[in-house]
């Protein structure tokens, strides 16, 4: 079983947008923008730890990859995780 590239990409996009918006919010001293960044970090966390799981053992949190050619090794069971 392979993990979805679109789910991994969604995690990367949410996290990177959170970083960009956090830097903008801190620079502008705007609490609404900083809280929006917190929501994006939370969304990235939820997608990564609840939707990206090792298909072999169910361990949460394999490293999301943008390209599907790369494979990741599970930190718990040692099996190869591939993205489709």
C-alpha atoms as a PDB file:
ATOM      1  CA  UNK A   1       0.000   0.000   0.000  1.00  0.00           C
ATOM      2  CA  UNK A   2       1.269   3.447  -0.877  1.00  0.00           C
ATOM      3  CA  UNK A   3       0.643   6.816   0.738  1.00  0.00           C
ATOM      4  CA  UNK A   4      -0.993   9.629  -1.204  1.00  0.00           C
ATOM      5  CA  UNK A   5       1.270  12.298  -2.690  1.00  0.00           C
ATOM      6  CA  UNK A   6      -1.549  14.841  -2.509  1.00  0.00           C
ATOM      7  CA  UNK A   7      -1.904  14.342   1.243  1.00  0.00           C
ATOM      8  CA  UNK A   8       1.843  14.759   1.713  1.00  0.00           C
ATOM      9  CA  UNK A   9       1.835  17.872  -0.469  1.00  0.00           C
ATOM     10  CA  UNK A  10      -1.102  19.298   1.488  1.00  0.00           C
ATOM     11  CA  UNK A  11       0.926  18.919   4.696  1.00  0.00           C
ATOM     12  CA  UNK A  12       3.928  20.672   3.157  1.00  0.00           C
ATOM     13  CA  UNK A  13       1.787  23.530   1.806  1.00  0.00           C
ATOM     14  CA  UNK A  14      -0.040  24.075   5.115  1.00  0.00           C
ATOM     15  CA  UNK A  15       3.228  24.111   7.057  1.00  0.00           C
ATOM     16  CA  UNK A  16       5.006  26.477   4.667  1.00  0.00           C
ATOM     17  CA  UNK A  17       2.024  28.851   4.520  1.00  0.00           C
ATOM     18  CA  UNK A  18       1.946  28.807   8.321  1.00  0.00           C
ATOM     19  CA  UNK A  19       5.610  29.846   8.453  1.00  0.00           C
ATOM     20  CA  UNK A  20       5.119  32.649   5.928  1.00  0.00           C
ATOM     21  CA  UNK A  21       1.980  33.978   7.616  1.00  0.00           C
ATOM     22  CA  UNK A  22       3.593  33.737  11.066  1.00  0.00           C
ATOM     23  CA  UNK A  23       6.541  35.856   9.929  1.00  0.00           C
ATOM     24  CA  UNK A  24       4.180  38.411   8.375  1.00  0.00           C
ATOM     25  CA  UNK A  25       1.969  38.485  11.479  1.00  0.00           C
ATOM     26  CA  UNK A  26       4.864  38.970  13.873  1.00  0.00           C
ATOM     27  CA  UNK A  27       6.260  41.724  11.648  1.00  0.00           C
ATOM     28  CA  UNK A  28       2.914  43.530  11.594  1.00  0.00           C
ATOM     29  CA  UNK A  29       2.092  42.836  15.287  1.00  0.00           C
ATOM     30  CA  UNK A  30      -1.273  41.472  14.196  1.00  0.00           C
ATOM     31  CA  UNK A  31      -2.745  38.798  16.476  1.00  0.00           C
ATOM     32  CA  UNK A  32      -5.336  37.683  13.912  1.00  0.00           C
ATOM     33  CA  UNK A  33      -2.654  36.849  11.355  1.00  0.00           C
ATOM     34  CA  UNK A  34      -0.598  34.998  13.983  1.00  0.00           C
ATOM     35  CA  UNK A  35      -3.650  32.989  15.032  1.00  0.00           C
ATOM     36  CA  UNK A  36      -4.291  32.119  11.368  1.00  0.00           C
ATOM     37  CA  UNK A  37      -0.738  30.778  11.209  1.00  0.00           C
ATOM     38  CA  UNK A  38      -1.475  28.681  14.301  1.00  0.00           C
ATOM     39  CA  UNK A  39      -4.526  27.190  12.573  1.00  0.00           C
ATOM     40  CA  UNK A  40      -2.407  26.290   9.530  1.00  0.00           C
ATOM     41  CA  UNK A  41       0.224  24.648  11.760  1.00  0.00           C
ATOM     42  CA  UNK A  42      -2.566  22.713  13.464  1.00  0.00           C
ATOM     43  CA  UNK A  43      -3.971  21.603  10.110  1.00  0.00           C
ATOM     44  CA  UNK A  44      -0.515  20.441   8.985  1.00  0.00           C
ATOM     45  CA  UNK A  45      -0.113  18.527  12.265  1.00  0.00           C
ATOM     46  CA  UNK A  46      -3.518  16.842  11.944  1.00  0.00           C
ATOM     47  CA  UNK A  47      -2.958  15.839   8.316  1.00  0.00           C
ATOM     48  CA  UNK A  48       0.537  14.532   9.003  1.00  0.00           C
ATOM     49  CA  UNK A  49      -0.181  12.529  12.135  1.00  0.00           C
ATOM     50  CA  UNK A  50      -3.681  11.263  11.340  1.00  0.00           C
ATOM     51  CA  UNK A  51      -3.680  10.822   7.560  1.00  0.00           C
ATOM     52  CA  UNK A  52      -0.031   9.942   6.850  1.00  0.00           C
ATOM     53  CA  UNK A  53       0.569   6.653   8.628  1.00  0.00           C
ATOM     54  CA  UNK A  54       2.823   3.718   7.870  1.00  0.00           C
ATOM     55  CA  UNK A  55       0.720   1.207   5.906  1.00  0.00           C
ATOM     56  CA  UNK A  56       2.552  -1.688   7.569  1.00  0.00           C
ATOM     57  CA  UNK A  57       2.437  -0.881  11.296  1.00  0.00           C
ATOM     58  CA  UNK A  58       0.237   2.255  11.510  1.00  0.00           C
ATOM     59  CA  UNK A  59       2.945   4.422  13.073  1.00  0.00           C
ATOM     60  CA  UNK A  60       2.019   8.105  12.571  1.00  0.00           C
ATOM     61  CA  UNK A  61       4.164  10.727  10.997  1.00  0.00           C
ATOM     62  CA  UNK A  62       6.305   9.532   8.085  1.00  0.00           C
ATOM     63  CA  UNK A  63       8.180  12.439   6.552  1.00  0.00           C
ATOM     64  CA  UNK A  64       6.086  13.975   3.761  1.00  0.00           C
ATOM     65  CA  UNK A  65       7.813  14.088   0.369  1.00  0.00           C
ATOM     66  CA  UNK A  66       6.855  16.351  -2.543  1.00  0.00           C
ATOM     67  CA  UNK A  67       7.998  13.901  -5.207  1.00  0.00           C
ATOM     68  CA  UNK A  68       6.678  10.363  -5.258  1.00  0.00           C
ATOM     69  CA  UNK A  69       9.912   8.803  -6.488  1.00  0.00           C
ATOM     70  CA  UNK A  70      11.556   9.035  -3.087  1.00  0.00           C
ATOM     71  CA  UNK A  71      10.757   6.443  -0.471  1.00  0.00           C
ATOM     72  CA  UNK A  72      10.920   6.755   3.290  1.00  0.00           C
ATOM     73  CA  UNK A  73      11.738   4.102   5.867  1.00  0.00           C
ATOM     74  CA  UNK A  74       9.391   3.795   8.854  1.00  0.00           C
ATOM     75  CA  UNK A  75      11.102   4.663  12.116  1.00  0.00           C
ATOM     76  CA  UNK A  76       9.170   1.992  14.024  1.00  0.00           C
ATOM     77  CA  UNK A  77       9.031  -1.128  11.834  1.00  0.00           C
ATOM     78  CA  UNK A  78      11.819  -0.377   9.327  1.00  0.00           C
ATOM     79  CA  UNK A  79       9.656  -1.108   6.271  1.00  0.00           C
ATOM     80  CA  UNK A  80       9.883   0.985   3.112  1.00  0.00           C
ATOM     81  CA  UNK A  81       7.049   3.516   2.654  1.00  0.00           C
ATOM     82  CA  UNK A  82       6.269   4.594  -0.908  1.00  0.00           C
ATOM     83  CA  UNK A  83       4.147   7.453  -2.190  1.00  0.00           C
ATOM     84  CA  UNK A  84       1.791   7.048  -5.153  1.00  0.00           C
END
